[in-house]
Amino acid sequence: MRIEYDEQDDILHIEFSREPIVKDVSYGWNVNVGYAAKGIAEITILDAKADGYWPLENAKDLLPAAA
């Protein structure tokens, strides 16, 4: 799992897998989910900090569960 935040553009990108993306689905104008054959591969959120998605308050709890 890899989490990257671009402060200048306020974009949060969470990568769960490096498998090829087979389908992209937008959930609203600012949330995009990339699906691999086995499930969610990545999530991209625009205006992440402005909309309250960043910083992740429970990141310490999420990281061990994702490993």
N, C-alpha and C. Protein backbone atom coordinates (compact mmCIF):
# COMPACT_ATOMS: atom_id res chain seq x y z
N MET A 1 0.84 -1.17 0.00
CA MET A 1 0.00 0.00 0.00
C MET A 1 0.89 1.23 0.00
N ARG A 2 0.52 2.22 -0.79
CA ARG A 2 1.27 3.46 -0.85
C ARG A 2 0.28 4.63 -0.85
N ILE A 3 0.56 5.63 -0.02
CA ILE A 3 -0.27 6.82 0.06
C ILE A 3 0.60 8.01 -0.32
N GLU A 4 0.12 8.80 -1.29
CA GLU A 4 0.82 10.01 -1.70
C GLU A 4 -0.16 11.17 -1.66
N TYR A 5 0.33 12.31 -1.17
CA TYR A 5 -0.50 13.51 -1.15
C TYR A 5 0.27 14.64 -1.83
N ASP A 6 -0.34 15.25 -2.82
CA ASP A 6 0.23 16.39 -3.52
C ASP A 6 -0.39 17.66 -2.93
N GLU A 7 0.39 18.33 -2.08
CA GLU A 7 -0.13 19.50 -1.37
C GLU A 7 -0.47 20.65 -2.31
N GLN A 8 0.33 20.85 -3.34
CA GLN A 8 0.10 21.96 -4.27
C GLN A 8 -1.23 21.82 -5.00
N ASP A 9 -1.57 20.61 -5.44
CA ASP A 9 -2.82 20.40 -6.18
C ASP A 9 -3.93 19.82 -5.32
N ASP A 10 -3.64 19.51 -4.04
CA ASP A 10 -4.60 18.94 -3.09
C ASP A 10 -5.20 17.63 -3.63
N ILE A 11 -4.30 16.71 -4.02
CA ILE A 11 -4.72 15.42 -4.55
C ILE A 11 -4.15 14.31 -3.67
N LEU A 12 -5.04 13.42 -3.25
CA LEU A 12 -4.66 12.26 -2.46
C LEU A 12 -4.76 11.03 -3.34
N HIS A 13 -3.69 10.26 -3.39
CA HIS A 13 -3.68 9.03 -4.19
C HIS A 13 -3.29 7.87 -3.28
N ILE A 14 -4.16 6.88 -3.21
CA ILE A 14 -3.92 5.70 -2.39
C ILE A 14 -3.84 4.50 -3.32
N GLU A 15 -2.70 3.82 -3.30
CA GLU A 15 -2.50 2.66 -4.17
C GLU A 15 -2.48 1.40 -3.31
N PHE A 16 -3.37 0.48 -3.61
CA PHE A 16 -3.45 -0.78 -2.88
C PHE A 16 -2.71 -1.91 -3.61
N SER A 17 -2.66 -1.79 -4.93
CA SER A 17 -2.08 -2.84 -5.76
C SER A 17 -1.49 -2.22 -7.01
N ARG A 18 -0.47 -2.87 -7.56
CA ARG A 18 0.12 -2.40 -8.82
C ARG A 18 -0.39 -3.20 -10.01
N GLU A 19 -1.46 -3.95 -9.78
CA GLU A 19 -2.09 -4.69 -10.87
C GLU A 19 -2.64 -3.71 -11.90
N PRO A 20 -2.73 -4.13 -13.15
CA PRO A 20 -3.27 -3.25 -14.19
C PRO A 20 -4.73 -2.86 -13.90
N ILE A 21 -5.04 -1.61 -14.15
CA ILE A 21 -6.41 -1.11 -13.98
C ILE A 21 -7.26 -1.61 -15.14
N VAL A 22 -8.39 -2.25 -14.83
CA VAL A 22 -9.28 -2.74 -15.88
C VAL A 22 -10.54 -1.89 -16.00
N LYS A 23 -10.83 -1.09 -14.96
CA LYS A 23 -12.02 -0.25 -14.98
C LYS A 23 -11.82 0.92 -14.03
N ASP A 24 -12.21 2.12 -14.48
CA ASP A 24 -12.21 3.32 -13.64
C ASP A 24 -13.64 3.74 -13.41
N VAL A 25 -13.97 4.08 -12.16
CA VAL A 25 -15.32 4.53 -11.83
C VAL A 25 -15.21 5.81 -11.02
N SER A 26 -15.95 6.84 -11.43
CA SER A 26 -15.99 8.11 -10.69
C SER A 26 -17.18 8.09 -9.74
N TYR A 27 -16.92 8.47 -8.51
CA TYR A 27 -17.96 8.60 -7.49
C TYR A 27 -18.02 10.07 -7.13
N GLY A 28 -18.83 10.81 -7.84
CA GLY A 28 -18.86 12.25 -7.70
C GLY A 28 -17.77 12.84 -8.58
N TRP A 29 -17.61 14.14 -8.54
CA TRP A 29 -16.64 14.78 -9.43
C TRP A 29 -15.21 14.64 -8.94
N ASN A 30 -15.01 14.32 -7.65
CA ASN A 30 -13.65 14.35 -7.12
C ASN A 30 -13.10 13.02 -6.61
N VAL A 31 -13.83 11.94 -6.71
CA VAL A 31 -13.34 10.64 -6.24
C VAL A 31 -13.36 9.65 -7.40
N ASN A 32 -12.20 9.06 -7.68
CA ASN A 32 -12.09 8.08 -8.75
C ASN A 32 -11.48 6.80 -8.17
N VAL A 33 -12.09 5.67 -8.51
CA VAL A 33 -11.60 4.38 -8.05
C VAL A 33 -11.17 3.56 -9.26
N GLY A 34 -9.94 3.08 -9.21
CA GLY A 34 -9.42 2.21 -10.25
C GLY A 34 -9.49 0.77 -9.80
N TYR A 35 -10.16 -0.04 -10.59
CA TYR A 35 -10.34 -1.45 -10.25
C TYR A 35 -9.40 -2.33 -11.07
N ALA A 36 -8.79 -3.28 -10.40
CA ALA A 36 -8.00 -4.33 -11.06
C ALA A 36 -8.90 -5.56 -11.15
N ALA A 37 -8.40 -6.62 -11.74
CA ALA A 37 -9.19 -7.83 -11.88
C ALA A 37 -9.63 -8.40 -10.52
N LYS A 38 -8.82 -8.20 -9.48
CA LYS A 38 -9.12 -8.78 -8.16
C LYS A 38 -9.76 -7.81 -7.18
N GLY A 39 -10.05 -6.58 -7.61
CA GLY A 39 -10.69 -5.62 -6.70
C GLY A 39 -10.09 -4.23 -6.84
N ILE A 40 -10.25 -3.41 -5.82
CA ILE A 40 -9.79 -2.02 -5.86
C ILE A 40 -8.26 -1.99 -5.89
N ALA A 41 -7.72 -1.27 -6.88
CA ALA A 41 -6.27 -1.11 -6.99
C ALA A 41 -5.82 0.25 -6.51
N GLU A 42 -6.66 1.28 -6.74
CA GLU A 42 -6.26 2.63 -6.33
C GLU A 42 -7.47 3.54 -6.17
N ILE A 43 -7.28 4.57 -5.35
CA ILE A 43 -8.30 5.60 -5.15
C ILE A 43 -7.60 6.95 -5.29
N THR A 44 -8.20 7.84 -6.07
CA THR A 44 -7.68 9.19 -6.23
C THR A 44 -8.77 10.17 -5.81
N ILE A 45 -8.40 11.13 -4.94
CA ILE A 45 -9.36 12.10 -4.44
C ILE A 45 -8.83 13.50 -4.72
N LEU A 46 -9.60 14.28 -5.48
CA LEU A 46 -9.27 15.68 -5.74
C LEU A 46 -9.83 16.53 -4.61
N ASP A 47 -9.19 17.65 -4.33
CA ASP A 47 -9.58 18.53 -3.21
C ASP A 47 -9.67 17.76 -1.91
N ALA A 48 -8.70 16.88 -1.69
CA ALA A 48 -8.72 15.98 -0.54
C ALA A 48 -8.73 16.72 0.80
N LYS A 49 -7.83 17.66 0.97
CA LYS A 49 -7.77 18.40 2.24
C LYS A 49 -8.97 19.32 2.39
N ALA A 50 -9.34 19.98 1.31
CA ALA A 50 -10.47 20.91 1.35
C ALA A 50 -11.78 20.20 1.70
N ASP A 51 -11.90 18.93 1.30
CA ASP A 51 -13.12 18.16 1.58
C ASP A 51 -13.01 17.27 2.82
N GLY A 52 -11.89 17.37 3.57
CA GLY A 52 -11.75 16.64 4.82
C GLY A 52 -11.24 15.22 4.72
N TYR A 53 -10.71 14.82 3.56
CA TYR A 53 -10.16 13.47 3.41
C TYR A 53 -8.69 13.38 3.82
N TRP A 54 -8.03 14.51 3.99
CA TRP A 54 -6.62 14.53 4.35
C TRP A 54 -6.39 15.57 5.42
N PRO A 55 -5.63 15.34 6.43
CA PRO A 55 -4.86 14.12 6.69
C PRO A 55 -5.76 13.00 7.18
N LEU A 56 -5.30 11.78 6.96
CA LEU A 56 -6.03 10.60 7.44
C LEU A 56 -5.84 10.51 8.94
N GLU A 57 -6.90 10.65 9.68
CA GLU A 57 -6.80 10.61 11.14
C GLU A 57 -6.51 9.22 11.65
N ASN A 58 -6.92 8.20 10.92
CA ASN A 58 -6.73 6.83 11.39
C ASN A 58 -5.73 6.07 10.52
N ALA A 59 -4.76 6.75 9.93
CA ALA A 59 -3.78 6.10 9.06
C ALA A 59 -3.01 5.00 9.78
N LYS A 60 -2.69 5.21 11.05
CA LYS A 60 -1.95 4.19 11.82
C LYS A 60 -2.76 2.91 11.96
N ASP A 61 -4.08 3.03 11.97
CA ASP A 61 -4.94 1.85 12.07
C ASP A 61 -5.11 1.18 10.71
N LEU A 62 -5.11 1.98 9.64
CA LEU A 62 -5.33 1.44 8.29
C LEU A 62 -4.12 0.70 7.75
N LEU A 63 -2.93 1.20 7.98
CA LEU A 63 -1.73 0.62 7.38
C LEU A 63 -1.51 -0.85 7.77
N PRO A 64 -1.57 -1.24 9.05
CA PRO A 64 -1.37 -2.65 9.38
C PRO A 64 -2.44 -3.55 8.75
N ALA A 65 -3.66 -3.05 8.64
CA ALA A 65 -4.74 -3.85 8.06
C ALA A 65 -4.54 -4.06 6.57
N ALA A 66 -3.87 -3.15 5.91
CA ALA A 66 -3.66 -3.25 4.47
C ALA A 66 -2.48 -4.14 4.12
N ALA A 67 -1.59 -4.35 5.06
CA ALA A 67 -0.38 -5.15 4.78
C ALA A 67 -0.65 -6.63 4.71
